[in-house]
Amino acid sequence: GERVFTILEQPEMEDNGTAVLKADDVNGKVEFSHIKFGYNPENIIIHDFSCQVKPGQKVAIVGPTGAGKSTLINLLTRFYEVNGGDIRIDDVSIYDMSRETLHNLISMVLQETWTFQGTIRENIVYSKKDVSDEQLYKVIEDCGLDDFINKCSDGVDTILAEEADISAGQKQLITIARAMIDSAPILILDEATSLVDTRTEKIISAAIDKLMKNKTSFVIA
């Protein structure tokens, strides 16, 4: 109960942005400008970070655990707020847009995969509206999921339980298919192949190559 009330008493996140960017119209230029950040304002850990990423460019963020790789991504997605500086997408500050607008521009494939109780179709399409069967099957083929789905009793309408009896690799391919369907202009891959075996990694890497085509990509490794 104490933990629940601690959450309820947290102040609401500010979200005053009104700029509207539609994913289809965004080129994917990303600019970090003189970023200053600390988990605690008295202890700044990023003092003056600037970086410009061109539309469609692939950027690797590499370093040991604790180097701040995920922190940069959390700043881009506004899970953390900067203490100074600005982050812009197509020359529009992410602080001038709502979080919903910002998150519609970004797809993420994380190390930790998840599926939910529902059909394979629902797990892939998720919140995307008006996805045709043709689009769905094209993505399934591009991801290398067709062999797995063809062996399922009801194909894409096979129900997955929350703790589904499928491999980590199959879960990751479903996550990649979800990102392909989402088709956001900016893609974040956070150690997306670290939990699978070498053979599965090859299949997933091929799917990721297709996923990254024409997208601005940040790859954490």
C-alpha atoms as a PDB file:
ATOM      1  CA  GLY A   1       0.000   0.000   0.000  1.00  0.00           C
ATOM      2  CA  GLU A   2       2.809   2.379   0.868  1.00  0.00           C
ATOM      3  CA  ARG A   3       4.418   1.828  -2.550  1.00  0.00           C
ATOM      4  CA  VAL A   4       1.104   2.393  -4.349  1.00  0.00           C
ATOM      5  CA  PHE A   5       0.500   5.683  -2.511  1.00  0.00           C
ATOM      6  CA  THR A   6       4.091   6.783  -3.209  1.00  0.00           C
ATOM      7  CA  ILE A   7       3.337   6.445  -6.939  1.00  0.00           C
ATOM      8  CA  LEU A   8      -0.046   8.177  -6.650  1.00  0.00           C
ATOM      9  CA  GLU A   9       1.566  11.134  -4.890  1.00  0.00           C
ATOM     10  CA  GLN A  10       4.141  11.682  -7.664  1.00  0.00           C
ATOM     11  CA  PRO A  11       3.662  14.971  -9.560  1.00  0.00           C
ATOM     12  CA  GLU A  12       2.196  14.702 -13.060  1.00  0.00           C
ATOM     13  CA  MET A  13       4.703  14.848 -15.928  1.00  0.00           C
ATOM     14  CA  GLU A  14       4.586  18.113 -17.823  1.00  0.00           C
ATOM     15  CA  ASP A  15       3.434  17.737 -21.400  1.00  0.00           C
ATOM     16  CA  ASN A  16       2.732  21.128 -22.934  1.00  0.00           C
ATOM     17  CA  GLY A  17       3.889  20.432 -26.491  1.00  0.00           C
ATOM     18  CA  THR A  18       1.547  21.276 -29.347  1.00  0.00           C
ATOM     19  CA  ALA A  19       3.775  20.711 -32.416  1.00  0.00           C
ATOM     20  CA  VAL A  20       2.370  17.899 -34.552  1.00  0.00           C
ATOM     21  CA  LEU A  21       4.717  15.741 -36.625  1.00  0.00           C
ATOM     22  CA  LYS A  22       3.261  12.837 -38.592  1.00  0.00           C
ATOM     23  CA  ALA A  23       5.479   9.776 -38.894  1.00  0.00           C
ATOM     24  CA  ASP A  24       4.947   9.592 -42.685  1.00  0.00           C
ATOM     25  CA  ASP A  25       6.262  13.151 -43.124  1.00  0.00           C
ATOM     26  CA  VAL A  26       9.367  12.857 -40.911  1.00  0.00           C
ATOM     27  CA  ASN A  27      12.790  12.373 -42.541  1.00  0.00           C
ATOM     28  CA  GLY A  28      14.446  11.227 -39.312  1.00  0.00           C
ATOM     29  CA  LYS A  29      17.089  13.901 -38.720  1.00  0.00           C
ATOM     30  CA  VAL A  30      18.011  13.855 -34.997  1.00  0.00           C
ATOM     31  CA  GLU A  31      20.118  16.459 -33.220  1.00  0.00           C
ATOM     32  CA  PHE A  32      21.391  16.463 -29.640  1.00  0.00           C
ATOM     33  CA  SER A  33      22.448  20.047 -28.853  1.00  0.00           C
ATOM     34  CA  HIS A  34      24.614  20.837 -25.780  1.00  0.00           C
ATOM     35  CA  ILE A  35      22.869  18.226 -23.613  1.00  0.00           C
ATOM     36  CA  LYS A  36      23.382  18.441 -19.873  1.00  0.00           C
ATOM     37  CA  PHE A  37      21.939  15.716 -17.644  1.00  0.00           C
ATOM     38  CA  GLY A  38      22.184  14.167 -14.196  1.00  0.00           C
ATOM     39  CA  TYR A  39      19.879  11.756 -12.373  1.00  0.00           C
ATOM     40  CA  ASN A  40      20.343  14.198  -9.534  1.00  0.00           C
ATOM     41  CA  PRO A  41      20.659  17.899 -10.554  1.00  0.00           C
ATOM     42  CA  GLU A  42      23.572  18.261  -8.097  1.00  0.00           C
ATOM     43  CA  ASN A  43      25.494  15.467  -9.831  1.00  0.00           C
ATOM     44  CA  ILE A  44      25.638  16.144 -13.580  1.00  0.00           C
ATOM     45  CA  ILE A  45      27.017  13.156 -15.548  1.00  0.00           C
ATOM     46  CA  ILE A  46      26.569  14.446 -19.127  1.00  0.00           C
ATOM     47  CA  HIS A  47      28.073  17.932 -19.251  1.00  0.00           C
ATOM     48  CA  ASP A  48      27.929  19.096 -22.890  1.00  0.00           C
ATOM     49  CA  PHE A  49      26.961  16.457 -25.451  1.00  0.00           C
ATOM     50  CA  SER A  50      26.187  17.398 -29.049  1.00  0.00           C
ATOM     51  CA  CYS A  51      25.609  15.107 -32.009  1.00  0.00           C
ATOM     52  CA  GLN A  52      23.829  15.403 -35.342  1.00  0.00           C
ATOM     53  CA  VAL A  53      22.394  12.302 -36.995  1.00  0.00           C
ATOM     54  CA  LYS A  54      21.390  12.453 -40.655  1.00  0.00           C
ATOM     55  CA  PRO A  55      18.110  10.970 -41.939  1.00  0.00           C
ATOM     56  CA  GLY A  56      18.480   7.227 -42.532  1.00  0.00           C
ATOM     57  CA  GLN A  57      21.859   7.037 -40.771  1.00  0.00           C
ATOM     58  CA  LYS A  58      22.795   4.107 -38.520  1.00  0.00           C
ATOM     59  CA  VAL A  59      24.422   5.103 -35.230  1.00  0.00           C
ATOM     60  CA  ALA A  60      26.031   2.579 -32.875  1.00  0.00           C
ATOM     61  CA  ILE A  61      26.181   3.462 -29.181  1.00  0.00           C
ATOM     62  CA  VAL A  62      28.873   1.220 -27.746  1.00  0.00           C
ATOM     63  CA  GLY A  63      30.364   0.935 -24.264  1.00  0.00           C
ATOM     64  CA  PRO A  64      30.495  -1.086 -21.052  1.00  0.00           C
ATOM     65  CA  THR A  65      27.593  -1.430 -18.634  1.00  0.00           C
ATOM     66  CA  GLY A  66      26.957   1.894 -16.906  1.00  0.00           C
ATOM     67  CA  ALA A  67      28.566   4.011 -19.638  1.00  0.00           C
ATOM     68  CA  GLY A  68      25.267   5.810 -20.323  1.00  0.00           C
ATOM     69  CA  LYS A  69      24.151   4.098 -23.552  1.00  0.00           C
ATOM     70  CA  SER A  70      20.527   3.660 -22.506  1.00  0.00           C
ATOM     71  CA  THR A  71      20.541   7.077 -20.821  1.00  0.00           C
ATOM     72  CA  LEU A  72      20.978   8.774 -24.218  1.00  0.00           C
ATOM     73  CA  ILE A  73      18.016   6.820 -25.590  1.00  0.00           C
ATOM     74  CA  ASN A  74      15.913   7.610 -22.518  1.00  0.00           C
ATOM     75  CA  LEU A  75      16.614  11.305 -23.111  1.00  0.00           C
ATOM     76  CA  LEU A  76      15.589  11.007 -26.782  1.00  0.00           C
ATOM     77  CA  THR A  77      12.314   9.294 -25.800  1.00  0.00           C
ATOM     78  CA  ARG A  78      11.736  11.708 -22.870  1.00  0.00           C
ATOM     79  CA  PHE A  79      11.693   8.971 -20.254  1.00  0.00           C
ATOM     80  CA  TYR A  80      14.237  11.306 -18.612  1.00  0.00           C
ATOM     81  CA  GLU A  81      14.251  15.102 -18.928  1.00  0.00           C
ATOM     82  CA  VAL A  82      17.453  16.998 -19.745  1.00  0.00           C
ATOM     83  CA  ASN A  83      18.883  19.552 -17.316  1.00  0.00           C
ATOM     84  CA  GLY A  84      20.022  21.733 -20.213  1.00  0.00           C
ATOM     85  CA  GLY A  85      20.286  21.807 -24.002  1.00  0.00           C
ATOM     86  CA  ASP A  86      17.794  20.557 -26.579  1.00  0.00           C
ATOM     87  CA  ILE A  87      16.975  17.487 -28.676  1.00  0.00           C
ATOM     88  CA  ARG A  88      15.383  18.070 -32.078  1.00  0.00           C
ATOM     89  CA  ILE A  89      13.771  15.795 -34.663  1.00  0.00           C
ATOM     90  CA  ASP A  90      13.590  17.346 -38.140  1.00  0.00           C
ATOM     91  CA  ASP A  91      14.534  20.681 -36.490  1.00  0.00           C
ATOM     92  CA  VAL A  92      11.535  20.541 -34.112  1.00  0.00           C
ATOM     93  CA  SER A  93      12.342  20.367 -30.394  1.00  0.00           C
ATOM     94  CA  ILE A  94      10.973  17.220 -28.742  1.00  0.00           C
ATOM     95  CA  TYR A  95       9.870  19.533 -25.901  1.00  0.00           C
ATOM     96  CA  ASP A  96       7.532  21.357 -28.306  1.00  0.00           C
ATOM     97  CA  MET A  97       5.625  18.151 -29.091  1.00  0.00           C
ATOM     98  CA  SER A  98       3.477  15.948 -26.890  1.00  0.00           C
ATOM     99  CA  ARG A  99       4.905  12.654 -25.655  1.00  0.00           C
ATOM    100  CA  GLU A 100       2.320  10.826 -27.759  1.00  0.00           C
ATOM    101  CA  THR A 101       3.535  12.603 -30.919  1.00  0.00           C
ATOM    102  CA  LEU A 102       7.166  11.864 -30.004  1.00  0.00           C
ATOM    103  CA  HIS A 103       6.576   8.184 -29.262  1.00  0.00           C
ATOM    104  CA  ASN A 104       4.695   7.740 -32.551  1.00  0.00           C
ATOM    105  CA  LEU A 105       7.953   8.660 -34.325  1.00  0.00           C
ATOM    106  CA  ILE A 106      10.021   5.972 -32.592  1.00  0.00           C
ATOM    107  CA  SER A 107       9.970   2.158 -32.642  1.00  0.00           C
ATOM    108  CA  MET A 108      11.986   0.161 -30.112  1.00  0.00           C
ATOM    109  CA  VAL A 109      13.265  -3.425 -30.137  1.00  0.00           C
ATOM    110  CA  LEU A 110      14.642  -4.219 -26.702  1.00  0.00           C
ATOM    111  CA  GLN A 111      16.722  -6.978 -25.153  1.00  0.00           C
ATOM    112  CA  GLU A 112      13.714  -8.013 -23.086  1.00  0.00           C
ATOM    113  CA  THR A 113      10.998  -9.344 -25.384  1.00  0.00           C
ATOM    114  CA  TRP A 114       7.328  -9.680 -24.553  1.00  0.00           C
ATOM    115  CA  THR A 115       4.182 -11.222 -25.948  1.00  0.00           C
ATOM    116  CA  PHE A 116       0.716 -11.000 -24.448  1.00  0.00           C
ATOM    117  CA  GLN A 117      -2.367 -13.227 -24.300  1.00  0.00           C
ATOM    118  CA  GLY A 118      -3.862 -12.989 -27.757  1.00  0.00           C
ATOM    119  CA  THR A 119      -3.354 -14.214 -31.310  1.00  0.00           C
ATOM    120  CA  ILE A 120      -0.056 -13.941 -33.179  1.00  0.00           C
ATOM    121  CA  ARG A 121      -1.812 -11.419 -35.437  1.00  0.00           C
ATOM    122  CA  GLU A 122      -2.768  -9.234 -32.426  1.00  0.00           C
ATOM    123  CA  ASN A 123       0.751  -9.509 -31.010  1.00  0.00           C
ATOM    124  CA  ILE A 124       2.258  -8.229 -34.267  1.00  0.00           C
ATOM    125  CA  VAL A 125      -0.329  -5.613 -35.300  1.00  0.00           C
ATOM    126  CA  TYR A 126      -0.704  -4.367 -31.696  1.00  0.00           C
ATOM    127  CA  SER A 127      -2.125  -0.801 -31.826  1.00  0.00           C
ATOM    128  CA  LYS A 128      -1.622  -0.176 -35.556  1.00  0.00           C
ATOM    129  CA  LYS A 129      -4.927   0.333 -37.346  1.00  0.00           C
ATOM    130  CA  ASP A 130      -6.014  -0.752 -40.846  1.00  0.00           C
ATOM    131  CA  VAL A 131      -3.250  -3.336 -41.402  1.00  0.00           C
ATOM    132  CA  SER A 132      -4.157  -5.524 -44.391  1.00  0.00           C
ATOM    133  CA  ASP A 133      -3.459  -9.269 -44.548  1.00  0.00           C
ATOM    134  CA  GLU A 134      -1.074  -8.539 -47.424  1.00  0.00           C
ATOM    135  CA  GLN A 135       0.999  -6.148 -45.232  1.00  0.00           C
ATOM    136  CA  LEU A 136       0.953  -8.606 -42.337  1.00  0.00           C
ATOM    137  CA  TYR A 137       2.144 -11.600 -44.378  1.00  0.00           C
ATOM    138  CA  LYS A 138       4.847  -9.513 -46.093  1.00  0.00           C
ATOM    139  CA  VAL A 139       6.239  -8.548 -42.667  1.00  0.00           C
ATOM    140  CA  ILE A 140       6.008 -12.165 -41.440  1.00  0.00           C
ATOM    141  CA  GLU A 141       7.993 -13.307 -44.475  1.00  0.00           C
ATOM    142  CA  ASP A 142      10.573 -10.505 -44.119  1.00  0.00           C
ATOM    143  CA  CYS A 143      11.104 -11.481 -40.476  1.00  0.00           C
ATOM    144  CA  GLY A 144      11.531 -15.173 -41.168  1.00  0.00           C
ATOM    145  CA  LEU A 145       8.485 -15.997 -39.035  1.00  0.00           C
ATOM    146  CA  ASP A 146       6.602 -17.792 -41.812  1.00  0.00           C
ATOM    147  CA  ASP A 147       8.106 -21.217 -41.044  1.00  0.00           C
ATOM    148  CA  PHE A 148       7.102 -20.968 -37.372  1.00  0.00           C
ATOM    149  CA  ILE A 149       3.585 -19.663 -38.143  1.00  0.00           C
ATOM    150  CA  ASN A 150       2.959 -22.329 -40.823  1.00  0.00           C
ATOM    151  CA  LYS A 151       3.553 -24.984 -38.147  1.00  0.00           C
ATOM    152  CA  CYS A 152       0.999 -23.365 -35.780  1.00  0.00           C
ATOM    153  CA  SER A 153      -2.453 -24.966 -35.728  1.00  0.00           C
ATOM    154  CA  ASP A 154      -4.366 -21.780 -36.648  1.00  0.00           C
ATOM    155  CA  GLY A 155      -1.603 -19.835 -38.404  1.00  0.00           C
ATOM    156  CA  VAL A 156      -1.614 -16.122 -37.488  1.00  0.00           C
ATOM    157  CA  ASP A 157      -4.813 -16.668 -35.491  1.00  0.00           C
ATOM    158  CA  THR A 158      -3.084 -19.096 -33.108  1.00  0.00           C
ATOM    159  CA  ILE A 159      -3.473 -17.803 -29.557  1.00  0.00           C
ATOM    160  CA  LEU A 160      -0.306 -17.140 -27.554  1.00  0.00           C
ATOM    161  CA  ALA A 161      -0.557 -17.350 -23.794  1.00  0.00           C
ATOM    162  CA  GLU A 162       1.212 -14.668 -21.733  1.00  0.00           C
ATOM    163  CA  GLU A 163       3.885 -17.216 -20.835  1.00  0.00           C
ATOM    164  CA  ALA A 164       3.815 -18.612 -24.343  1.00  0.00           C
ATOM    165  CA  ASP A 165       5.643 -21.825 -25.100  1.00  0.00           C
ATOM    166  CA  ILE A 166       7.796 -20.242 -27.808  1.00  0.00           C
ATOM    167  CA  SER A 167      11.522 -19.654 -27.903  1.00  0.00           C
ATOM    168  CA  ALA A 168      13.295 -16.398 -27.062  1.00  0.00           C
ATOM    169  CA  GLY A 169      14.227 -16.091 -30.739  1.00  0.00           C
ATOM    170  CA  GLN A 170      10.612 -16.462 -31.914  1.00  0.00           C
ATOM    171  CA  LYS A 171       9.520 -13.849 -29.365  1.00  0.00           C
ATOM    172  CA  GLN A 172      12.207 -11.482 -30.623  1.00  0.00           C
ATOM    173  CA  LEU A 173      11.090 -11.992 -34.244  1.00  0.00           C
ATOM    174  CA  ILE A 174       7.507 -11.141 -33.202  1.00  0.00           C
ATOM    175  CA  THR A 175       8.862  -7.965 -31.578  1.00  0.00           C
ATOM    176  CA  ILE A 176      10.752  -7.084 -34.790  1.00  0.00           C
ATOM    177  CA  ALA A 177       7.614  -7.777 -36.859  1.00  0.00           C
ATOM    178  CA  ARG A 178       5.714  -5.425 -34.519  1.00  0.00           C
ATOM    179  CA  ALA A 179       8.286  -2.685 -35.195  1.00  0.00           C
ATOM    180  CA  MET A 180       8.095  -3.344 -38.969  1.00  0.00           C
ATOM    181  CA  ILE A 181       4.304  -2.954 -38.931  1.00  0.00           C
ATOM    182  CA  ASP A 182       4.661   0.222 -36.836  1.00  0.00           C
ATOM    183  CA  SER A 183       7.034   1.614 -39.500  1.00  0.00           C
ATOM    184  CA  ALA A 184       8.173   4.640 -37.462  1.00  0.00           C
ATOM    185  CA  PRO A 185      10.954   6.775 -39.034  1.00  0.00           C
ATOM    186  CA  ILE A 186      13.303   6.360 -36.027  1.00  0.00           C
ATOM    187  CA  LEU A 187      14.355   2.956 -34.711  1.00  0.00           C
ATOM    188  CA  ILE A 188      16.065   2.029 -31.434  1.00  0.00           C
ATOM    189  CA  LEU A 189      17.671  -1.416 -31.019  1.00  0.00           C
ATOM    190  CA  ASP A 190      18.801  -2.090 -27.444  1.00  0.00           C
ATOM    191  CA  GLU A 191      21.011  -5.229 -27.415  1.00  0.00           C
ATOM    192  CA  ALA A 192      18.311  -6.934 -29.459  1.00  0.00           C
ATOM    193  CA  THR A 193      20.243 -10.161 -30.138  1.00  0.00           C
ATOM    194  CA  SER A 194      22.015 -10.672 -26.812  1.00  0.00           C
ATOM    195  CA  LEU A 195      19.692 -13.394 -25.464  1.00  0.00           C
ATOM    196  CA  VAL A 196      19.599 -15.787 -28.435  1.00  0.00           C
ATOM    197  CA  ASP A 197      21.851 -18.484 -29.840  1.00  0.00           C
ATOM    198  CA  THR A 198      24.165 -17.931 -32.816  1.00  0.00           C
ATOM    199  CA  ARG A 199      21.902 -19.539 -35.460  1.00  0.00           C
ATOM    200  CA  THR A 200      18.847 -17.569 -34.314  1.00  0.00           C
ATOM    201  CA  GLU A 201      20.962 -14.412 -34.138  1.00  0.00           C
ATOM    202  CA  LYS A 202      21.705 -14.793 -37.862  1.00  0.00           C
ATOM    203  CA  ILE A 203      17.973 -14.979 -38.681  1.00  0.00           C
ATOM    204  CA  ILE A 204      17.219 -12.018 -36.395  1.00  0.00           C
ATOM    205  CA  SER A 205      20.104  -9.974 -37.824  1.00  0.00           C
ATOM    206  CA  ALA A 206      18.756 -10.498 -41.363  1.00  0.00           C
ATOM    207  CA  ALA A 207      15.297  -9.328 -40.184  1.00  0.00           C
ATOM    208  CA  ILE A 208      16.838  -6.305 -38.437  1.00  0.00           C
ATOM    209  CA  ASP A 209      18.696  -5.329 -41.648  1.00  0.00           C
ATOM    210  CA  LYS A 210      15.328  -5.167 -43.443  1.00  0.00           C
ATOM    211  CA  LEU A 211      13.751  -3.322 -40.503  1.00  0.00           C
ATOM    212  CA  MET A 212      16.472  -0.623 -40.519  1.00  0.00           C
ATOM    213  CA  LYS A 213      16.122   0.154 -44.237  1.00  0.00           C
ATOM    214  CA  ASN A 214      15.433   3.883 -44.771  1.00  0.00           C
ATOM    215  CA  LYS A 215      15.161   4.504 -41.021  1.00  0.00           C
ATOM    216  CA  THR A 216      17.340   6.530 -38.690  1.00  0.00           C
ATOM    217  CA  SER A 217      18.654   3.808 -36.348  1.00  0.00           C
ATOM    218  CA  PHE A 218      20.297   3.870 -32.942  1.00  0.00           C
ATOM    219  CA  VAL A 219      21.910   0.530 -32.092  1.00  0.00           C
ATOM    220  CA  ILE A 220      22.999  -0.070 -28.489  1.00  0.00           C
ATOM    221  CA  ALA A 221      25.664  -2.766 -28.151  1.00  0.00           C
END
